[in-house]
Amino acid sequence: LALAEELGRSARPGDVFALTGELGAGKTIIAKGIARGMGIADEITSPTFTLMEIYEAPVPLYHFDLYRIGREDELDQLFFEEYWEGDGVSVIEWADRAPGRLPDRRTDITLGYIDETSRSVTIEHTGD
């Protein structure tokens, strides 16, 4: 959570955080931390059924959850690429369900299980 808060503090409009990892690995915790670091006090929950939630702030947060995406053409209905070109920060859970659709400039965060209470976190900046 503290690592994600630091990422949120340094986030700028147009930044995209692409989160991947197994179910329960902590993707939503990372989203919560980024939001907290951006100064967003709202309760951040995973938008599994709505696919996207917008949190208003001086720099808005666009929180996507692609878990329920079954086919690539479903992404066409989201128009989520348009949010990346806007004035906010995007956090995309299950980003691996959008192969070839993510922007070149992004921060990939991969979470993995170490044990019940520990996770590995790999952060890679692309397109800088």
N, C-alpha and C. Protein backbone atom coordinates (compact mmCIF):
# COMPACT_ATOMS: atom_id res chain seq x y z
N LEU A 1 0.83 -1.19 0.00
CA LEU A 1 0.00 0.00 0.00
C LEU A 1 0.88 1.25 0.00
N ALA A 2 1.92 1.27 0.81
CA ALA A 2 2.82 2.43 0.88
C ALA A 2 3.52 2.66 -0.46
N LEU A 3 3.94 1.59 -1.11
CA LEU A 3 4.57 1.71 -2.43
C LEU A 3 3.59 2.33 -3.42
N ALA A 4 2.35 1.87 -3.41
CA ALA A 4 1.34 2.39 -4.33
C ALA A 4 1.02 3.86 -4.02
N GLU A 5 1.01 4.22 -2.73
CA GLU A 5 0.79 5.63 -2.38
C GLU A 5 1.88 6.51 -2.98
N GLU A 6 3.11 6.04 -2.93
CA GLU A 6 4.21 6.80 -3.52
C GLU A 6 4.02 6.96 -5.03
N LEU A 7 3.58 5.90 -5.69
CA LEU A 7 3.28 6.00 -7.12
C LEU A 7 2.19 7.03 -7.37
N GLY A 8 1.18 7.05 -6.52
CA GLY A 8 0.09 8.01 -6.66
C GLY A 8 0.55 9.45 -6.45
N ARG A 9 1.45 9.64 -5.50
CA ARG A 9 1.97 10.99 -5.25
C ARG A 9 2.73 11.54 -6.46
N SER A 10 3.37 10.65 -7.19
CA SER A 10 4.16 11.11 -8.34
C SER A 10 3.39 11.02 -9.66
N ALA A 11 2.13 10.55 -9.63
CA ALA A 11 1.33 10.39 -10.84
C ALA A 11 0.97 11.74 -11.45
N ARG A 12 0.95 11.77 -12.76
CA ARG A 12 0.63 12.98 -13.51
C ARG A 12 -0.48 12.67 -14.52
N PRO A 13 -1.22 13.68 -14.97
CA PRO A 13 -2.26 13.44 -15.99
C PRO A 13 -1.68 12.67 -17.19
N GLY A 14 -2.43 11.69 -17.63
CA GLY A 14 -2.00 10.85 -18.74
C GLY A 14 -1.28 9.59 -18.34
N ASP A 15 -0.90 9.47 -17.06
CA ASP A 15 -0.23 8.25 -16.61
C ASP A 15 -1.20 7.07 -16.62
N VAL A 16 -0.68 5.92 -17.00
CA VAL A 16 -1.47 4.68 -17.02
C VAL A 16 -0.71 3.62 -16.23
N PHE A 17 -1.40 3.02 -15.26
CA PHE A 17 -0.85 1.93 -14.46
C PHE A 17 -1.58 0.67 -14.87
N ALA A 18 -0.85 -0.29 -15.45
CA ALA A 18 -1.42 -1.55 -15.93
C ALA A 18 -1.09 -2.65 -14.92
N LEU A 19 -2.12 -3.14 -14.20
CA LEU A 19 -1.92 -4.11 -13.12
C LEU A 19 -2.26 -5.51 -13.58
N THR A 20 -1.38 -6.46 -13.28
CA THR A 20 -1.63 -7.87 -13.57
C THR A 20 -1.25 -8.70 -12.37
N GLY A 21 -1.84 -9.88 -12.29
CA GLY A 21 -1.57 -10.80 -11.20
C GLY A 21 -2.76 -11.70 -10.98
N GLU A 22 -2.55 -12.76 -10.23
CA GLU A 22 -3.61 -13.71 -9.95
C GLU A 22 -4.74 -13.07 -9.14
N LEU A 23 -5.88 -13.72 -9.14
CA LEU A 23 -7.01 -13.30 -8.33
C LEU A 23 -6.58 -13.20 -6.88
N GLY A 24 -6.84 -12.06 -6.26
CA GLY A 24 -6.50 -11.87 -4.85
C GLY A 24 -5.06 -11.48 -4.58
N ALA A 25 -4.28 -11.21 -5.62
CA ALA A 25 -2.86 -10.88 -5.44
C ALA A 25 -2.64 -9.47 -4.90
N GLY A 26 -3.66 -8.59 -5.04
CA GLY A 26 -3.51 -7.24 -4.48
C GLY A 26 -3.66 -6.11 -5.47
N LYS A 27 -4.24 -6.38 -6.63
CA LYS A 27 -4.40 -5.33 -7.63
C LYS A 27 -5.25 -4.17 -7.11
N THR A 28 -6.33 -4.49 -6.41
CA THR A 28 -7.19 -3.43 -5.87
C THR A 28 -6.49 -2.66 -4.75
N ILE A 29 -5.65 -3.32 -3.98
CA ILE A 29 -4.86 -2.63 -2.95
C ILE A 29 -3.94 -1.61 -3.61
N ILE A 30 -3.33 -1.99 -4.73
CA ILE A 30 -2.47 -1.05 -5.46
C ILE A 30 -3.31 0.13 -5.94
N ALA A 31 -4.49 -0.13 -6.47
CA ALA A 31 -5.37 0.96 -6.92
C ALA A 31 -5.73 1.88 -5.76
N LYS A 32 -6.03 1.30 -4.60
CA LYS A 32 -6.34 2.11 -3.40
C LYS A 32 -5.17 2.99 -3.01
N GLY A 33 -3.98 2.43 -3.04
CA GLY A 33 -2.79 3.20 -2.68
C GLY A 33 -2.51 4.33 -3.65
N ILE A 34 -2.66 4.06 -4.93
CA ILE A 34 -2.45 5.11 -5.93
C ILE A 34 -3.46 6.23 -5.68
N ALA A 35 -4.72 5.88 -5.46
CA ALA A 35 -5.76 6.89 -5.19
C ALA A 35 -5.42 7.70 -3.95
N ARG A 36 -5.02 7.02 -2.89
CA ARG A 36 -4.67 7.71 -1.65
C ARG A 36 -3.51 8.68 -1.88
N GLY A 37 -2.50 8.23 -2.63
CA GLY A 37 -1.36 9.09 -2.94
C GLY A 37 -1.74 10.29 -3.77
N MET A 38 -2.83 10.17 -4.55
CA MET A 38 -3.32 11.28 -5.36
C MET A 38 -4.23 12.21 -4.56
N GLY A 39 -4.45 11.86 -3.28
CA GLY A 39 -5.29 12.70 -2.43
C GLY A 39 -6.77 12.37 -2.53
N ILE A 40 -7.12 11.21 -3.06
CA ILE A 40 -8.51 10.80 -3.19
C ILE A 40 -8.90 10.03 -1.93
N ALA A 41 -9.90 10.53 -1.22
CA ALA A 41 -10.31 9.94 0.06
C ALA A 41 -11.46 8.95 -0.11
N ASP A 42 -12.05 8.85 -1.30
CA ASP A 42 -13.18 7.93 -1.52
C ASP A 42 -12.76 6.49 -1.24
N GLU A 43 -13.75 5.67 -0.90
CA GLU A 43 -13.51 4.24 -0.75
C GLU A 43 -13.32 3.65 -2.15
N ILE A 44 -12.17 3.07 -2.40
CA ILE A 44 -11.86 2.49 -3.70
C ILE A 44 -12.19 1.01 -3.67
N THR A 45 -13.09 0.60 -4.54
CA THR A 45 -13.44 -0.81 -4.67
C THR A 45 -13.23 -1.22 -6.11
N SER A 46 -13.09 -2.49 -6.34
CA SER A 46 -12.87 -2.98 -7.68
C SER A 46 -14.16 -2.88 -8.49
N PRO A 47 -14.14 -2.19 -9.63
CA PRO A 47 -15.36 -2.04 -10.43
C PRO A 47 -15.61 -3.25 -11.33
N THR A 48 -15.65 -4.44 -10.73
CA THR A 48 -15.76 -5.68 -11.49
C THR A 48 -17.00 -5.72 -12.37
N PHE A 49 -18.14 -5.25 -11.86
CA PHE A 49 -19.37 -5.34 -12.63
C PHE A 49 -19.62 -4.12 -13.50
N THR A 50 -19.13 -2.96 -13.10
CA THR A 50 -19.32 -1.75 -13.90
C THR A 50 -18.19 -1.55 -14.89
N LEU A 51 -17.09 -2.23 -14.72
CA LEU A 51 -15.89 -2.20 -15.55
C LEU A 51 -15.06 -0.93 -15.39
N MET A 52 -15.68 0.20 -14.99
CA MET A 52 -14.93 1.44 -14.83
C MET A 52 -15.61 2.34 -13.81
N GLU A 53 -14.80 2.97 -13.00
CA GLU A 53 -15.28 3.93 -12.00
C GLU A 53 -14.41 5.18 -12.12
N ILE A 54 -15.05 6.34 -12.03
CA ILE A 54 -14.32 7.60 -12.08
C ILE A 54 -14.35 8.23 -10.69
N TYR A 55 -13.18 8.62 -10.20
CA TYR A 55 -13.07 9.30 -8.91
C TYR A 55 -12.62 10.73 -9.21
N GLU A 56 -13.51 11.68 -8.90
CA GLU A 56 -13.23 13.08 -9.19
C GLU A 56 -12.22 13.64 -8.20
N ALA A 57 -11.28 14.38 -8.71
CA ALA A 57 -10.23 15.02 -7.93
C ALA A 57 -9.59 16.06 -8.85
N PRO A 58 -8.68 16.90 -8.33
CA PRO A 58 -7.99 17.83 -9.23
C PRO A 58 -7.40 17.11 -10.45
N VAL A 59 -6.85 15.92 -10.22
CA VAL A 59 -6.47 15.02 -11.31
C VAL A 59 -7.34 13.78 -11.11
N PRO A 60 -8.34 13.56 -11.97
CA PRO A 60 -9.26 12.44 -11.78
C PRO A 60 -8.57 11.09 -11.93
N LEU A 61 -9.15 10.10 -11.26
CA LEU A 61 -8.67 8.72 -11.37
C LEU A 61 -9.71 7.91 -12.13
N TYR A 62 -9.26 7.23 -13.19
CA TYR A 62 -10.11 6.34 -13.96
C TYR A 62 -9.68 4.91 -13.61
N HIS A 63 -10.54 4.20 -12.93
CA HIS A 63 -10.22 2.86 -12.41
C HIS A 63 -10.98 1.82 -13.23
N PHE A 64 -10.24 1.02 -13.98
CA PHE A 64 -10.82 -0.02 -14.83
C PHE A 64 -10.57 -1.39 -14.23
N ASP A 65 -11.52 -2.31 -14.42
CA ASP A 65 -11.35 -3.70 -14.03
C ASP A 65 -11.81 -4.55 -15.21
N LEU A 66 -10.88 -5.21 -15.86
CA LEU A 66 -11.18 -5.97 -17.07
C LEU A 66 -11.41 -7.45 -16.80
N TYR A 67 -11.61 -7.83 -15.54
CA TYR A 67 -11.76 -9.24 -15.18
C TYR A 67 -12.88 -9.92 -15.97
N ARG A 68 -13.98 -9.24 -16.16
CA ARG A 68 -15.14 -9.84 -16.82
C ARG A 68 -15.11 -9.72 -18.35
N ILE A 69 -14.05 -9.15 -18.89
CA ILE A 69 -13.94 -9.05 -20.35
C ILE A 69 -13.64 -10.44 -20.89
N GLY A 70 -14.51 -10.92 -21.76
CA GLY A 70 -14.34 -12.25 -22.32
C GLY A 70 -13.81 -12.25 -23.74
N ARG A 71 -14.15 -11.18 -24.47
CA ARG A 71 -13.73 -11.06 -25.87
C ARG A 71 -13.16 -9.68 -26.10
N GLU A 72 -12.21 -9.59 -27.00
CA GLU A 72 -11.55 -8.31 -27.26
C GLU A 72 -12.53 -7.25 -27.76
N ASP A 73 -13.56 -7.65 -28.51
CA ASP A 73 -14.49 -6.66 -29.03
C ASP A 73 -15.30 -5.98 -27.92
N GLU A 74 -15.36 -6.58 -26.73
CA GLU A 74 -16.02 -5.93 -25.61
C GLU A 74 -15.27 -4.66 -25.18
N LEU A 75 -13.98 -4.62 -25.43
CA LEU A 75 -13.19 -3.44 -25.12
C LEU A 75 -13.60 -2.25 -25.99
N ASP A 76 -14.10 -2.52 -27.18
CA ASP A 76 -14.54 -1.45 -28.07
C ASP A 76 -15.68 -0.65 -27.45
N GLN A 77 -16.51 -1.28 -26.65
CA GLN A 77 -17.65 -0.62 -26.02
C GLN A 77 -17.23 0.23 -24.83
N LEU A 78 -16.06 -0.03 -24.28
CA LEU A 78 -15.56 0.74 -23.13
C LEU A 78 -14.99 2.10 -23.53
N PHE A 79 -14.41 2.17 -24.73
CA PHE A 79 -13.74 3.38 -25.21
C PHE A 79 -12.66 3.83 -24.21
N PHE A 80 -12.03 2.87 -23.56
CA PHE A 80 -11.12 3.24 -22.49
C PHE A 80 -9.85 3.92 -22.98
N GLU A 81 -9.49 3.73 -24.23
CA GLU A 81 -8.32 4.42 -24.77
C GLU A 81 -8.48 5.94 -24.71
N GLU A 82 -9.71 6.42 -24.84
CA GLU A 82 -9.97 7.86 -24.80
C GLU A 82 -9.60 8.48 -23.45
N TYR A 83 -9.72 7.71 -22.38
CA TYR A 83 -9.38 8.22 -21.05
C TYR A 83 -7.89 8.45 -20.90
N TRP A 84 -7.07 7.68 -21.60
CA TRP A 84 -5.62 7.81 -21.48
C TRP A 84 -5.13 9.11 -22.06
N GLU A 85 -5.88 9.67 -22.97
CA GLU A 85 -5.48 10.91 -23.61
C GLU A 85 -6.03 12.12 -22.89
N GLY A 86 -6.74 11.90 -21.79
CA GLY A 86 -7.39 12.98 -21.07
C GLY A 86 -6.54 13.58 -19.97
N ASP A 87 -7.23 14.12 -18.98
CA ASP A 87 -6.58 14.88 -17.92
C ASP A 87 -6.40 14.08 -16.64
N GLY A 88 -6.62 12.78 -16.70
CA GLY A 88 -6.58 11.98 -15.49
C GLY A 88 -5.50 10.91 -15.51
N VAL A 89 -5.54 10.10 -14.44
CA VAL A 89 -4.65 8.95 -14.28
C VAL A 89 -5.51 7.70 -14.41
N SER A 90 -5.04 6.72 -15.16
CA SER A 90 -5.78 5.47 -15.33
C SER A 90 -5.09 4.33 -14.60
N VAL A 91 -5.89 3.54 -13.89
CA VAL A 91 -5.43 2.31 -13.26
C VAL A 91 -6.27 1.19 -13.87
N ILE A 92 -5.60 0.20 -14.46
CA ILE A 92 -6.30 -0.88 -15.16
C ILE A 92 -5.97 -2.20 -14.50
N GLU A 93 -6.95 -2.77 -13.79
CA GLU A 93 -6.78 -4.11 -13.22
C GLU A 93 -7.04 -5.14 -14.32
N TRP A 94 -6.31 -6.24 -14.27
CA TRP A 94 -6.40 -7.30 -15.27
C TRP A 94 -6.03 -6.76 -16.65
N ALA A 95 -4.99 -5.94 -16.70
CA ALA A 95 -4.56 -5.30 -17.95
C ALA A 95 -4.16 -6.33 -19.01
N ASP A 96 -3.79 -7.52 -18.58
CA ASP A 96 -3.40 -8.56 -19.53
C ASP A 96 -4.57 -9.02 -20.40
N ARG A 97 -5.79 -8.60 -20.07
CA ARG A 97 -6.97 -8.94 -20.88
C ARG A 97 -7.16 -7.96 -22.03
N ALA A 98 -6.24 -7.03 -22.17
CA ALA A 98 -6.30 -6.04 -23.26
C ALA A 98 -5.00 -6.05 -24.05
N PRO A 99 -4.58 -7.22 -24.53
CA PRO A 99 -3.30 -7.28 -25.24
C PRO A 99 -3.33 -6.40 -26.49
N GLY A 100 -2.27 -5.65 -26.68
CA GLY A 100 -2.16 -4.80 -27.85
C GLY A 100 -3.00 -3.53 -27.78
N ARG A 101 -3.74 -3.33 -26.70
CA ARG A 101 -4.62 -2.16 -26.60
C ARG A 101 -4.08 -1.11 -25.63
N LEU A 102 -3.08 -1.46 -24.86
CA LEU A 102 -2.55 -0.54 -23.86
C LEU A 102 -1.62 0.47 -24.52
N PRO A 103 -1.52 1.65 -23.93
CA PRO A 103 -0.63 2.66 -24.53
C PRO A 103 0.84 2.23 -24.39
N ASP A 104 1.66 2.72 -25.29
CA ASP A 104 3.09 2.40 -25.23
C ASP A 104 3.73 2.95 -23.97
N ARG A 105 3.31 4.14 -23.56
CA ARG A 105 3.86 4.78 -22.35
C ARG A 105 2.96 4.45 -21.17
N ARG A 106 3.49 3.59 -20.29
CA ARG A 106 2.70 3.14 -19.13
C ARG A 106 3.63 2.57 -18.07
N THR A 107 3.04 2.30 -16.92
CA THR A 107 3.75 1.61 -15.84
C THR A 107 3.07 0.27 -15.64
N ASP A 108 3.80 -0.81 -15.91
CA ASP A 108 3.28 -2.16 -15.70
C ASP A 108 3.63 -2.60 -14.29
N ILE A 109 2.62 -3.07 -13.55
CA ILE A 109 2.83 -3.56 -12.20
C ILE A 109 2.31 -4.99 -12.15
N THR A 110 3.22 -5.93 -11.88
CA THR A 110 2.87 -7.34 -11.81
C THR A 110 2.98 -7.80 -10.36
N LEU A 111 1.90 -8.40 -9.87
CA LEU A 111 1.86 -8.88 -8.50
C LEU A 111 1.85 -10.40 -8.48
N GLY A 112 2.57 -10.97 -7.53
CA GLY A 112 2.60 -12.42 -7.39
C GLY A 112 2.57 -12.82 -5.93
N TYR A 113 2.12 -14.02 -5.67
CA TYR A 113 2.06 -14.55 -4.31
C TYR A 113 3.43 -15.05 -3.87
N ILE A 114 3.82 -14.67 -2.67
CA ILE A 114 4.98 -15.29 -2.02
C ILE A 114 4.44 -16.27 -0.98
N ASP A 115 3.54 -15.78 -0.14
CA ASP A 115 2.82 -16.62 0.81
C ASP A 115 1.52 -15.91 1.16
N GLU A 116 0.82 -16.37 2.19
CA GLU A 116 -0.49 -15.85 2.57
C GLU A 116 -0.50 -14.33 2.79
N THR A 117 0.58 -13.79 3.32
CA THR A 117 0.60 -12.36 3.66
C THR A 117 1.65 -11.55 2.89
N SER A 118 2.37 -12.20 1.98
CA SER A 118 3.45 -11.50 1.27
C SER A 118 3.25 -11.62 -0.24
N ARG A 119 3.62 -10.56 -0.94
CA ARG A 119 3.51 -10.53 -2.39
C ARG A 119 4.82 -10.03 -3.00
N SER A 120 5.07 -10.44 -4.20
CA SER A 120 6.17 -9.85 -4.98
C SER A 120 5.54 -8.77 -5.87
N VAL A 121 6.28 -7.71 -6.09
CA VAL A 121 5.81 -6.61 -6.92
C VAL A 121 6.92 -6.27 -7.91
N THR A 122 6.59 -6.32 -9.19
CA THR A 122 7.52 -5.92 -10.24
C THR A 122 6.94 -4.70 -10.94
N ILE A 123 7.74 -3.65 -11.03
CA ILE A 123 7.30 -2.41 -11.66
C ILE A 123 8.20 -2.14 -12.85
N GLU A 124 7.59 -1.92 -14.01
CA GLU A 124 8.35 -1.65 -15.22
C GLU A 124 7.71 -0.46 -15.94
N HIS A 125 8.52 0.56 -16.19
CA HIS A 125 8.06 1.73 -16.94
C HIS A 125 8.40 1.50 -18.41
N THR A 126 7.43 1.68 -19.28
CA THR A 126 7.67 1.50 -20.71
C THR A 126 7.40 2.80 -21.45
N GLY A 127 8.05 2.98 -22.55
CA GLY A 127 7.79 4.11 -23.42
C GLY A 127 8.28 5.44 -22.93
N ASP A 128 9.13 5.47 -21.91
CA ASP A 128 9.62 6.75 -21.38
C ASP A 128 10.73 7.29 -22.24
